[in-house]
């Protein structure tokens, strides 16, 4: 689609990896709490809270991964001319 001008690999950061692992443990905890709550017939408000926390933690994990481990890529795309000729009409 475009010409890659600059591509720098993501840095391996140990502390971010540790944060993602801690968030993974919290994600598993909230998921298991949600499943246990469904099986035990808990209140719907508490179940929605645990599900919301699980989605929030999943979003944080994806954001940390995207910012820290994915490469930065700068692409230049060719722009179309803004003048429409008679042949294109």
C-alpha atoms as a PDB file:
ATOM      1  CA  UNK A   1       0.000   0.000   0.000  1.00  0.00           C
ATOM      2  CA  UNK A   2       2.807   2.382   0.746  1.00  0.00           C
ATOM      3  CA  UNK A   3       6.556   2.713   0.866  1.00  0.00           C
ATOM      4  CA  UNK A   4       8.096   1.886   4.250  1.00  0.00           C
ATOM      5  CA  UNK A   5      10.392   4.761   5.161  1.00  0.00           C
ATOM      6  CA  UNK A   6      11.418   3.796   8.679  1.00  0.00           C
ATOM      7  CA  UNK A   7      10.893   0.658  10.719  1.00  0.00           C
ATOM      8  CA  UNK A   8      12.372   0.391  14.188  1.00  0.00           C
ATOM      9  CA  UNK A   9      11.863  -2.805  16.174  1.00  0.00           C
ATOM     10  CA  UNK A  10      10.193  -2.629  19.559  1.00  0.00           C
ATOM     11  CA  UNK A  11      12.440  -2.604  22.615  1.00  0.00           C
ATOM     12  CA  UNK A  12      12.433  -5.610  24.894  1.00  0.00           C
ATOM     13  CA  UNK A  13      11.427  -4.153  28.235  1.00  0.00           C
ATOM     14  CA  UNK A  14      11.486  -6.459  31.215  1.00  0.00           C
ATOM     15  CA  UNK A  15       9.356  -4.282  33.475  1.00  0.00           C
ATOM     16  CA  UNK A  16       6.588  -3.992  30.878  1.00  0.00           C
ATOM     17  CA  UNK A  17       6.699  -7.767  30.426  1.00  0.00           C
ATOM     18  CA  UNK A  18       6.314  -8.171  34.212  1.00  0.00           C
ATOM     19  CA  UNK A  19       3.350  -5.763  34.204  1.00  0.00           C
ATOM     20  CA  UNK A  20       1.689  -7.729  31.397  1.00  0.00           C
ATOM     21  CA  UNK A  21       2.198 -10.967  33.372  1.00  0.00           C
ATOM     22  CA  UNK A  22       0.647  -9.450  36.507  1.00  0.00           C
ATOM     23  CA  UNK A  23      -2.291  -8.215  34.430  1.00  0.00           C
ATOM     24  CA  UNK A  24      -2.625 -11.710  32.953  1.00  0.00           C
ATOM     25  CA  UNK A  25      -2.913 -13.180  36.450  1.00  0.00           C
ATOM     26  CA  UNK A  26      -5.583 -10.593  37.325  1.00  0.00           C
ATOM     27  CA  UNK A  27      -7.406 -11.388  34.069  1.00  0.00           C
ATOM     28  CA  UNK A  28      -7.476 -15.090  34.887  1.00  0.00           C
ATOM     29  CA  UNK A  29      -8.671 -14.295  38.417  1.00  0.00           C
ATOM     30  CA  UNK A  30     -11.573 -12.149  37.200  1.00  0.00           C
ATOM     31  CA  UNK A  31     -12.523 -14.681  34.526  1.00  0.00           C
ATOM     32  CA  UNK A  32     -12.595 -17.526  37.014  1.00  0.00           C
ATOM     33  CA  UNK A  33     -14.547 -15.368  39.484  1.00  0.00           C
ATOM     34  CA  UNK A  34     -17.081 -14.604  36.759  1.00  0.00           C
ATOM     35  CA  UNK A  35     -17.514 -18.274  35.836  1.00  0.00           C
ATOM     36  CA  UNK A  36     -17.791 -19.259  39.500  1.00  0.00           C
ATOM     37  CA  UNK A  37     -20.365 -16.516  40.034  1.00  0.00           C
ATOM     38  CA  UNK A  38     -22.470 -17.776  37.135  1.00  0.00           C
ATOM     39  CA  UNK A  39     -22.386 -21.322  38.504  1.00  0.00           C
ATOM     40  CA  UNK A  40     -23.312 -20.161  42.018  1.00  0.00           C
ATOM     41  CA  UNK A  41     -26.064 -17.786  40.861  1.00  0.00           C
ATOM     42  CA  UNK A  42     -24.610 -14.518  42.129  1.00  0.00           C
ATOM     43  CA  UNK A  43     -26.185 -11.092  41.673  1.00  0.00           C
ATOM     44  CA  UNK A  44     -26.122  -9.718  38.128  1.00  0.00           C
ATOM     45  CA  UNK A  45     -24.585  -6.417  39.223  1.00  0.00           C
ATOM     46  CA  UNK A  46     -21.528  -8.098  40.726  1.00  0.00           C
ATOM     47  CA  UNK A  47     -21.175 -10.350  37.663  1.00  0.00           C
ATOM     48  CA  UNK A  48     -21.259  -7.328  35.356  1.00  0.00           C
ATOM     49  CA  UNK A  49     -18.608  -5.645  37.513  1.00  0.00           C
ATOM     50  CA  UNK A  50     -16.277  -8.645  37.251  1.00  0.00           C
ATOM     51  CA  UNK A  51     -16.820  -8.874  33.494  1.00  0.00           C
ATOM     52  CA  UNK A  52     -16.146  -5.140  33.096  1.00  0.00           C
ATOM     53  CA  UNK A  53     -12.931  -5.450  35.106  1.00  0.00           C
ATOM     54  CA  UNK A  54     -11.843  -8.390  32.941  1.00  0.00           C
ATOM     55  CA  UNK A  55     -12.410  -6.370  29.743  1.00  0.00           C
ATOM     56  CA  UNK A  56     -10.615  -3.348  31.224  1.00  0.00           C
ATOM     57  CA  UNK A  57      -7.584  -5.438  32.153  1.00  0.00           C
ATOM     58  CA  UNK A  58      -7.601  -7.084  28.715  1.00  0.00           C
ATOM     59  CA  UNK A  59      -7.587  -3.637  27.109  1.00  0.00           C
ATOM     60  CA  UNK A  60      -4.678  -2.540  29.286  1.00  0.00           C
ATOM     61  CA  UNK A  61      -2.739  -5.672  28.373  1.00  0.00           C
ATOM     62  CA  UNK A  62      -3.277  -5.076  24.655  1.00  0.00           C
ATOM     63  CA  UNK A  63      -2.292  -1.414  24.995  1.00  0.00           C
ATOM     64  CA  UNK A  64       0.919  -2.198  26.898  1.00  0.00           C
ATOM     65  CA  UNK A  65       1.816  -4.855  24.341  1.00  0.00           C
ATOM     66  CA  UNK A  66       1.097  -2.550  21.405  1.00  0.00           C
ATOM     67  CA  UNK A  67       3.102   0.346  22.823  1.00  0.00           C
ATOM     68  CA  UNK A  68       6.094  -1.666  24.021  1.00  0.00           C
ATOM     69  CA  UNK A  69       6.668  -4.685  21.801  1.00  0.00           C
ATOM     70  CA  UNK A  70       5.298  -3.929  18.326  1.00  0.00           C
ATOM     71  CA  UNK A  71       7.619  -2.193  15.827  1.00  0.00           C
ATOM     72  CA  UNK A  72       7.120   1.430  14.837  1.00  0.00           C
ATOM     73  CA  UNK A  73       6.488   1.642  11.104  1.00  0.00           C
ATOM     74  CA  UNK A  74       6.289   4.862   9.096  1.00  0.00           C
ATOM     75  CA  UNK A  75       4.697   4.474   5.659  1.00  0.00           C
ATOM     76  CA  UNK A  76       4.364   7.048   2.939  1.00  0.00           C
ATOM     77  CA  UNK A  77       1.399   6.618   0.644  1.00  0.00           C
ATOM     78  CA  UNK A  78       1.038   8.170  -2.773  1.00  0.00           C
ATOM     79  CA  UNK A  79      -1.671  10.802  -2.794  1.00  0.00           C
ATOM     80  CA  UNK A  80      -4.134  11.027  -5.608  1.00  0.00           C
ATOM     81  CA  UNK A  81      -4.330  14.257  -7.497  1.00  0.00           C
ATOM     82  CA  UNK A  82      -7.272  16.393  -6.457  1.00  0.00           C
ATOM     83  CA  UNK A  83      -8.012  17.541  -9.999  1.00  0.00           C
ATOM     84  CA  UNK A  84     -10.494  15.317 -11.797  1.00  0.00           C
ATOM     85  CA  UNK A  85      -9.842  15.144 -15.488  1.00  0.00           C
ATOM     86  CA  UNK A  86     -12.532  14.735 -18.132  1.00  0.00           C
ATOM     87  CA  UNK A  87     -11.609  11.107 -18.704  1.00  0.00           C
ATOM     88  CA  UNK A  88     -12.267  10.127 -15.050  1.00  0.00           C
ATOM     89  CA  UNK A  89     -15.750  11.694 -14.954  1.00  0.00           C
END
